[in-house]
Amino acid sequence: MKSFDLIQPATIDEALAAWQPGASWLGGGTNLVDLMKAGALQPDTVIDVNRLPGLREIETLSDGATRIGALVSNAELASDMEFARSFPAIAEAVLSGASGQLRNAATVAGNLMQRTRCAYFQDPNAACNRREPGSGCDARAGENANLAVLGWSDACIATSPSDLCVSLAALDAVVEIRGREGQREIAIADFHLLPGDTPERETALQPGELIVAVRLPAEARQFAANARYLKVRERTSFAFAVASCAAALQMEGGRISKARLALGAVAARPWRVAEAETLLAGHLPDTDLFARAADAALAGASPSGANAWKIELARRTVIRALTLAAAGTPARMPALPASPFGELAGELAHV
């Protein structure tokens, strides 16, 4: 690992003042430290934000919105009983990711900033435009079976690895950001960028900006009774998604009055298509309806390599996730959260 300077500021203002080009923020470190050890990332300065005050709370605001501090751990988020009841698809998504030990360390903000699992990005000896602009993309002619089928470009075909971000995208989360110029907000739908010709720009953050919180609107609670997250992976534990889907429905008189739908592991950002949600509204839930919504959600999908199969897998994942959501949120978290092999309602609760 390359030598670096470690700074441990006591306030947000001190942290922002300490940032300089070549610096990285350090929260839980579950992603950054791995990449530094592999040599894929080599920051000159690491700024440890764990001492910053006011970033570890989960609170309900006066307008009914829920605010999650940037340093809330994944474990703390999923095990907060009120939060899990209000946003079950988010809790299920978080519990499907990594191991218990990693969830204890990983933070909400770190999850939003999680780097791709593309093997060529993680290998400093491989050509990767995302890691080194202009160097090329070895994934294009390499092992690419699990890479993007939506929103990719010739410069980059990587996918976002996050489970949490998929469920946040479905529920219209907003990211609160602080920088030297003050505070601003970015809708989660606009936070992660598609690669285009500049894959090195992964998020809408400006240099030196820091995530301080994520906020869910009060309206997101309306989907609590019919919300699920489904994750298909090569093994049920400790694995990243091959395809995933957050589905949330609001039911009135047996019909779908509102729908929220986001796909994961298919693009460089969570993939949400308004046309698919509009198609669901006003109808009785059934497999044919869900299949049409899946087709709409995946409109424009195309293989970026040897991964045409992934389009059909994602389609079936959407149908299954909508079917589970229509059946209703389980009273207790499934023993295998988000797994297609899990029971509808598990014997083991998550709290």
Protein backbone atom coordinates (compact mmCIF):
# COMPACT_ATOMS: atom_id res chain seq x y z
CA MET A 1 0.00 0.00 0.00
CA LYS A 2 1.23 3.47 -0.86
CA SER A 3 2.12 5.70 2.10
CA PHE A 4 -0.44 8.42 2.84
CA ASP A 5 -1.20 11.17 5.33
CA LEU A 6 -4.05 10.47 7.76
CA ILE A 7 -6.12 13.41 9.01
CA GLN A 8 -8.78 13.06 11.72
CA PRO A 9 -10.78 16.32 11.87
CA ALA A 10 -13.13 17.09 14.75
CA THR A 11 -15.72 19.11 12.81
CA ILE A 12 -17.22 19.14 9.33
CA ASP A 13 -15.64 22.53 8.64
CA GLU A 14 -12.21 21.15 9.58
CA ALA A 15 -12.80 18.14 7.32
CA LEU A 16 -13.75 20.33 4.35
CA ALA A 17 -10.75 22.58 4.92
CA ALA A 18 -8.44 19.55 5.02
CA TRP A 19 -9.53 18.19 1.65
CA GLN A 20 -7.18 18.67 -1.29
CA PRO A 21 -6.85 16.98 -4.70
CA GLY A 22 -5.66 13.42 -4.20
CA ALA A 23 -7.53 13.00 -0.89
CA SER A 24 -10.15 10.40 -0.01
CA TRP A 25 -12.83 10.39 2.69
CA LEU A 26 -12.73 7.42 5.10
CA GLY A 27 -15.86 6.18 6.87
CA GLY A 28 -16.17 2.46 7.53
CA GLY A 29 -13.36 1.72 5.10
CA THR A 30 -14.87 -1.54 3.88
CA ASN A 31 -14.40 -0.54 0.24
CA LEU A 32 -11.66 2.10 0.27
CA VAL A 33 -9.15 0.10 2.31
CA ASP A 34 -9.56 -2.98 0.09
CA LEU A 35 -8.89 -0.91 -3.03
CA MET A 36 -5.89 0.77 -1.42
CA LYS A 37 -4.42 -2.60 -0.49
CA ALA A 38 -4.87 -3.84 -4.06
CA GLY A 39 -3.29 -0.68 -5.46
CA ALA A 40 -6.38 0.30 -7.42
CA LEU A 41 -6.69 3.52 -5.40
CA GLN A 42 -3.67 5.40 -4.10
CA PRO A 43 -4.76 8.56 -2.26
CA ASP A 44 -2.13 10.95 -0.98
CA THR A 45 -4.31 11.88 1.98
CA VAL A 46 -7.02 9.96 3.83
CA ILE A 47 -9.47 12.07 5.85
CA ASP A 48 -11.15 10.02 8.60
CA VAL A 49 -14.65 11.45 9.14
CA ASN A 50 -15.66 9.15 12.00
CA ARG A 51 -15.17 11.84 14.65
CA LEU A 52 -17.50 14.33 12.97
CA PRO A 53 -20.53 15.19 15.15
CA GLY A 54 -24.19 14.92 14.16
CA LEU A 55 -23.84 12.26 11.46
CA ARG A 56 -24.97 9.14 13.33
CA GLU A 57 -28.67 9.82 13.92
CA ILE A 58 -31.83 8.44 12.32
CA GLU A 59 -34.55 11.03 12.87
CA THR A 60 -38.07 11.93 11.78
CA LEU A 61 -38.33 15.56 10.69
CA SER A 62 -41.26 17.91 11.24
CA ASP A 63 -42.56 17.34 7.70
CA GLY A 64 -42.58 13.56 8.21
CA ALA A 65 -39.40 12.94 6.23
CA THR A 66 -36.81 10.55 7.62
CA ARG A 67 -33.19 11.74 7.80
CA ILE A 68 -30.33 9.23 8.02
CA GLY A 69 -26.92 10.52 9.07
CA ALA A 70 -24.01 9.72 6.78
CA LEU A 71 -22.17 7.69 9.44
CA VAL A 72 -25.11 5.48 10.42
CA SER A 73 -23.88 1.95 9.87
CA ASN A 74 -25.74 -0.48 7.63
CA ALA A 75 -26.37 -2.68 10.67
CA GLU A 76 -27.79 0.21 12.70
CA LEU A 77 -30.09 1.22 9.85
CA ALA A 78 -31.55 -2.24 9.28
CA SER A 79 -31.95 -3.00 12.99
CA ASP A 80 -33.81 0.23 13.81
CA MET A 81 -37.31 -1.16 14.36
CA GLU A 82 -39.22 1.99 13.42
CA PHE A 83 -37.16 2.46 10.28
CA ALA A 84 -37.57 -1.17 9.20
CA ARG A 85 -41.35 -0.98 9.67
CA SER A 86 -41.57 2.24 7.66
CA PHE A 87 -39.14 1.26 4.88
CA PRO A 88 -39.01 -2.56 4.76
CA ALA A 89 -37.53 -2.76 1.25
CA ILE A 90 -34.55 -0.67 2.36
CA ALA A 91 -34.00 -2.83 5.44
CA GLU A 92 -34.22 -5.96 3.29
CA ALA A 93 -31.74 -4.53 0.79
CA VAL A 94 -29.25 -3.64 3.52
CA LEU A 95 -29.52 -7.05 5.17
CA SER A 96 -28.86 -8.79 1.85
CA GLY A 97 -25.49 -7.10 1.48
CA ALA A 98 -22.15 -8.44 2.72
CA SER A 99 -21.68 -10.12 6.11
CA GLY A 100 -22.79 -9.04 9.57
CA GLN A 101 -19.25 -7.93 10.38
CA LEU A 102 -19.06 -5.70 7.30
CA ARG A 103 -22.53 -4.24 7.93
CA ASN A 104 -21.36 -3.23 11.39
CA ALA A 105 -18.59 -1.12 9.84
CA ALA A 106 -20.03 0.04 6.50
CA THR A 107 -21.79 3.41 6.50
CA VAL A 108 -24.74 4.80 4.58
CA ALA A 109 -22.62 7.45 2.84
CA GLY A 110 -19.95 4.89 2.06
CA ASN A 111 -22.56 2.69 0.43
CA LEU A 112 -23.57 5.54 -1.87
CA MET A 113 -19.90 5.98 -2.82
CA GLN A 114 -19.20 2.26 -3.27
CA ARG A 115 -16.95 1.62 -6.26
CA THR A 116 -17.70 -0.91 -8.97
CA ARG A 117 -16.78 -4.56 -8.53
CA CYS A 118 -15.52 -4.79 -12.13
CA ALA A 119 -12.34 -6.87 -11.91
CA TYR A 120 -10.54 -4.59 -14.36
CA PHE A 121 -11.19 -1.53 -12.21
CA GLN A 122 -9.79 -3.35 -9.19
CA ASP A 123 -6.67 -4.56 -11.01
CA PRO A 124 -4.08 -1.75 -11.29
CA ASN A 125 -2.40 -3.65 -14.15
CA ALA A 126 -5.54 -3.62 -16.31
CA ALA A 127 -6.71 -0.83 -18.61
CA CYS A 128 -9.66 0.98 -17.02
CA ASN A 129 -11.00 4.37 -18.10
CA ARG A 130 -12.81 4.69 -14.78
CA ARG A 131 -9.59 4.36 -12.79
CA GLU A 132 -7.23 5.95 -15.35
CA PRO A 133 -9.02 8.10 -17.95
CA GLY A 134 -7.96 7.39 -21.52
CA SER A 135 -6.31 4.07 -20.76
CA GLY A 136 -9.02 1.94 -22.37
CA CYS A 137 -11.46 -0.68 -21.09
CA ASP A 138 -10.15 -4.25 -20.88
CA ALA A 139 -13.62 -5.40 -19.84
CA ARG A 140 -14.93 -4.80 -23.36
CA ALA A 141 -13.01 -7.83 -24.66
CA GLY A 142 -12.57 -9.60 -21.35
CA GLU A 143 -14.68 -11.29 -18.68
CA ASN A 144 -17.86 -9.25 -18.93
CA ALA A 145 -20.72 -11.68 -18.32
CA ASN A 146 -21.87 -9.81 -15.21
CA LEU A 147 -21.44 -6.25 -16.46
CA ALA A 148 -23.89 -3.61 -17.69
CA VAL A 149 -26.80 -4.12 -20.07
CA LEU A 150 -28.24 -0.59 -19.66
CA GLY A 151 -26.63 2.83 -19.88
CA TRP A 152 -23.17 1.57 -20.80
CA SER A 153 -20.76 3.13 -23.29
CA ASP A 154 -17.72 2.02 -25.24
CA ALA A 155 -15.61 3.70 -22.54
CA CYS A 156 -17.03 1.71 -19.61
CA ILE A 157 -19.44 -1.17 -18.99
CA ALA A 158 -19.16 -1.35 -15.20
CA THR A 159 -22.15 -1.70 -12.86
CA SER A 160 -22.95 -0.21 -9.48
CA PRO A 161 -22.66 -2.86 -6.73
CA SER A 162 -24.96 -1.21 -4.17
CA ASP A 163 -28.12 -2.81 -2.81
CA LEU A 164 -29.04 0.13 -0.59
CA CYS A 165 -28.96 2.63 -3.46
CA VAL A 166 -31.47 0.61 -5.48
CA SER A 167 -34.07 0.76 -2.73
CA LEU A 168 -33.30 4.43 -2.04
CA ALA A 169 -33.79 5.22 -5.73
CA ALA A 170 -37.19 3.53 -5.76
CA LEU A 171 -38.34 5.71 -2.86
CA ASP A 172 -37.07 9.10 -4.13
CA ALA A 173 -34.33 9.64 -1.57
CA VAL A 174 -32.38 12.89 -1.48
CA VAL A 175 -28.67 13.21 -0.68
CA GLU A 176 -27.61 16.11 1.56
CA ILE A 177 -24.11 17.42 0.79
CA ARG A 178 -21.72 19.89 2.39
CA GLY A 179 -18.88 21.67 0.65
CA ARG A 180 -16.77 24.76 1.18
CA GLU A 181 -19.43 26.74 -0.68
CA GLY A 182 -22.21 25.57 1.65
CA GLN A 183 -24.90 22.90 1.64
CA ARG A 184 -26.88 21.53 -1.30
CA GLU A 185 -29.09 18.54 -2.16
CA ILE A 186 -29.09 16.03 -5.00
CA ALA A 187 -31.94 13.63 -5.79
CA ILE A 188 -30.64 10.07 -5.62
CA ALA A 189 -31.81 9.64 -9.23
CA ASP A 190 -29.24 12.26 -10.28
CA PHE A 191 -26.47 11.30 -7.86
CA HIS A 192 -24.82 8.45 -9.80
CA LEU A 193 -23.71 9.22 -13.35
CA LEU A 194 -23.72 7.04 -16.44
CA PRO A 195 -20.25 6.60 -17.95
CA GLY A 196 -20.61 8.25 -21.36
CA ASP A 197 -17.18 9.53 -22.37
CA THR A 198 -16.19 10.42 -18.79
CA PRO A 199 -16.49 7.23 -16.70
CA GLU A 200 -14.04 8.63 -14.15
CA ARG A 201 -16.89 10.90 -12.99
CA GLU A 202 -19.02 8.44 -11.05
CA THR A 203 -21.21 10.82 -9.01
CA ALA A 204 -22.52 14.37 -9.12
CA LEU A 205 -20.35 15.33 -6.15
CA GLN A 206 -17.94 18.18 -6.79
CA PRO A 207 -14.32 17.80 -5.61
CA GLY A 208 -14.10 18.14 -1.84
CA GLU A 209 -17.82 17.76 -1.15
CA LEU A 210 -18.96 15.48 1.66
CA ILE A 211 -22.22 13.54 2.10
CA VAL A 212 -23.78 14.43 5.46
CA ALA A 213 -27.17 12.65 5.26
CA VAL A 214 -29.75 10.87 3.15
CA ARG A 215 -33.39 11.90 3.42
CA LEU A 216 -36.53 9.95 2.55
CA PRO A 217 -39.74 11.89 1.89
CA ALA A 218 -42.76 11.30 4.09
CA GLU A 219 -44.62 9.86 1.09
CA ALA A 220 -42.22 6.91 1.00
CA ARG A 221 -43.92 5.47 4.09
CA GLN A 222 -47.10 4.93 2.05
CA PHE A 223 -45.51 1.88 0.42
CA ALA A 224 -44.60 0.06 3.65
CA ALA A 225 -47.37 -2.56 3.36
CA ASN A 226 -46.27 -3.77 -0.08
CA ALA A 227 -42.53 -3.32 -0.50
CA ARG A 228 -39.80 -5.87 -1.24
CA TYR A 229 -36.22 -6.09 -2.44
CA LEU A 230 -35.15 -9.11 -4.48
CA LYS A 231 -31.52 -9.97 -5.19
CA VAL A 232 -30.28 -12.71 -7.50
CA ARG A 233 -26.67 -13.65 -6.91
CA GLU A 234 -24.24 -16.48 -7.49
CA ARG A 235 -24.50 -17.50 -3.85
CA THR A 236 -26.97 -16.40 -1.22
CA SER A 237 -24.44 -15.04 1.28
CA PHE A 238 -21.53 -12.62 0.93
CA ALA A 239 -22.16 -12.02 -2.78
CA PHE A 240 -22.98 -9.04 -4.95
CA ALA A 241 -26.08 -8.99 -7.12
CA VAL A 242 -26.20 -10.34 -10.65
CA ALA A 243 -29.61 -8.67 -10.90
CA SER A 244 -31.79 -7.03 -8.28
CA CYS A 245 -35.04 -5.10 -7.97
CA ALA A 246 -36.74 -2.89 -5.40
CA ALA A 247 -40.52 -2.95 -5.85
CA ALA A 248 -42.99 -0.90 -3.83
CA LEU A 249 -46.76 -0.67 -4.41
CA GLN A 250 -49.58 1.29 -2.88
CA MET A 251 -52.80 -0.73 -3.03
CA GLU A 252 -56.36 0.58 -2.95
CA GLY A 253 -59.32 -1.78 -3.30
CA GLY A 254 -57.09 -4.53 -4.60
CA ARG A 255 -55.69 -2.33 -7.38
CA ILE A 256 -52.29 -0.71 -7.66
CA SER A 257 -52.71 3.02 -7.15
CA LYS A 258 -49.00 3.91 -7.16
CA ALA A 259 -45.87 1.96 -8.00
CA ARG A 260 -42.14 2.42 -7.49
CA LEU A 261 -39.60 0.23 -9.25
CA ALA A 262 -35.80 0.29 -9.50
CA LEU A 263 -33.32 -2.26 -10.87
CA GLY A 264 -29.81 -2.94 -9.63
CA ALA A 265 -26.64 -4.55 -11.03
CA VAL A 266 -27.65 -3.72 -14.62
CA ALA A 267 -26.05 -0.28 -15.03
CA ALA A 268 -23.59 2.15 -13.47
CA ARG A 269 -26.46 3.56 -11.40
CA PRO A 270 -29.74 2.23 -10.03
CA TRP A 271 -32.13 1.99 -12.98
CA ARG A 272 -35.60 3.46 -12.59
CA VAL A 273 -38.05 3.90 -15.45
CA ALA A 274 -41.13 6.09 -14.89
CA GLU A 275 -42.98 4.47 -17.80
CA ALA A 276 -42.92 1.09 -16.05
CA GLU A 277 -44.39 2.61 -12.88
CA THR A 278 -47.09 4.44 -14.82
CA LEU A 279 -48.03 1.23 -16.62
CA LEU A 280 -48.73 -0.49 -13.27
CA ALA A 281 -50.94 2.22 -11.78
CA GLY A 282 -54.69 1.64 -11.80
CA HIS A 283 -54.54 -2.09 -12.55
CA LEU A 284 -55.16 -5.32 -10.70
CA PRO A 285 -51.85 -7.07 -10.04
CA ASP A 286 -51.14 -10.13 -12.18
CA THR A 287 -48.22 -11.79 -13.96
CA ASP A 288 -49.07 -10.38 -17.40
CA LEU A 289 -49.13 -6.83 -16.02
CA PHE A 290 -45.81 -7.37 -14.25
CA ALA A 291 -44.27 -8.79 -17.43
CA ARG A 292 -45.28 -5.67 -19.37
CA ALA A 293 -43.78 -3.50 -16.63
CA ALA A 294 -40.56 -5.53 -16.77
CA ASP A 295 -40.37 -5.06 -20.53
CA ALA A 296 -40.80 -1.31 -20.08
CA ALA A 297 -38.16 -1.19 -17.35
CA LEU A 298 -35.65 -2.94 -19.60
CA ALA A 299 -36.46 -1.08 -22.80
CA GLY A 300 -33.23 -0.28 -24.58
CA ALA A 301 -31.22 -2.98 -22.81
CA SER A 302 -28.44 -4.47 -24.91
CA PRO A 303 -25.48 -6.77 -24.19
CA SER A 304 -22.13 -5.12 -23.50
CA GLY A 305 -20.38 -8.44 -23.99
CA ALA A 306 -21.23 -12.05 -23.23
CA ASN A 307 -24.19 -11.04 -21.09
CA ALA A 308 -27.35 -11.16 -23.20
CA TRP A 309 -28.69 -13.68 -20.68
CA LYS A 310 -28.63 -10.97 -18.02
CA ILE A 311 -31.43 -9.05 -19.73
CA GLU A 312 -33.83 -11.97 -19.36
CA LEU A 313 -32.65 -12.57 -15.79
CA ALA A 314 -33.32 -8.94 -14.90
CA ARG A 315 -36.76 -9.17 -16.53
CA ARG A 316 -37.69 -12.20 -14.44
CA THR A 317 -36.30 -10.52 -11.32
CA VAL A 318 -38.64 -7.57 -11.85
CA ILE A 319 -41.66 -9.86 -12.27
CA ARG A 320 -40.78 -11.83 -9.14
CA ALA A 321 -40.13 -8.69 -7.07
CA LEU A 322 -43.48 -7.18 -8.09
CA THR A 323 -45.23 -10.46 -7.29
CA LEU A 324 -43.69 -10.48 -3.81
CA ALA A 325 -44.58 -6.83 -3.23
CA ALA A 326 -48.19 -7.40 -4.30
CA ALA A 327 -48.44 -10.30 -1.85
CA GLY A 328 -47.59 -7.88 0.96
CA THR A 329 -44.63 -7.09 3.17
CA PRO A 330 -43.97 -9.99 5.58
CA ALA A 331 -44.70 -9.30 9.23
CA ARG A 332 -41.15 -10.42 10.01
CA MET A 333 -38.03 -10.05 7.95
CA PRO A 334 -37.37 -13.25 5.97
CA ALA A 335 -34.59 -15.43 7.35
CA LEU A 336 -32.84 -15.02 3.98
CA PRO A 337 -33.47 -11.35 3.19
CA ALA A 338 -33.95 -10.55 -0.52
CA SER A 339 -33.17 -14.11 -1.59
CA PRO A 340 -35.39 -15.80 -4.21
CA PHE A 341 -34.87 -18.96 -2.13
CA GLY A 342 -36.13 -17.41 1.10
CA GLU A 343 -39.50 -18.03 2.67
CA LEU A 344 -42.13 -15.34 2.26
CA ALA A 345 -41.90 -14.75 6.01
CA GLY A 346 -38.92 -16.06 7.94
CA GLU A 347 -38.79 -17.49 11.43
CA LEU A 348 -35.84 -15.26 12.33
CA ALA A 349 -36.47 -11.56 12.76
CA HIS A 350 -33.71 -9.06 12.04
CA VAL A 351 -34.17 -7.25 15.34
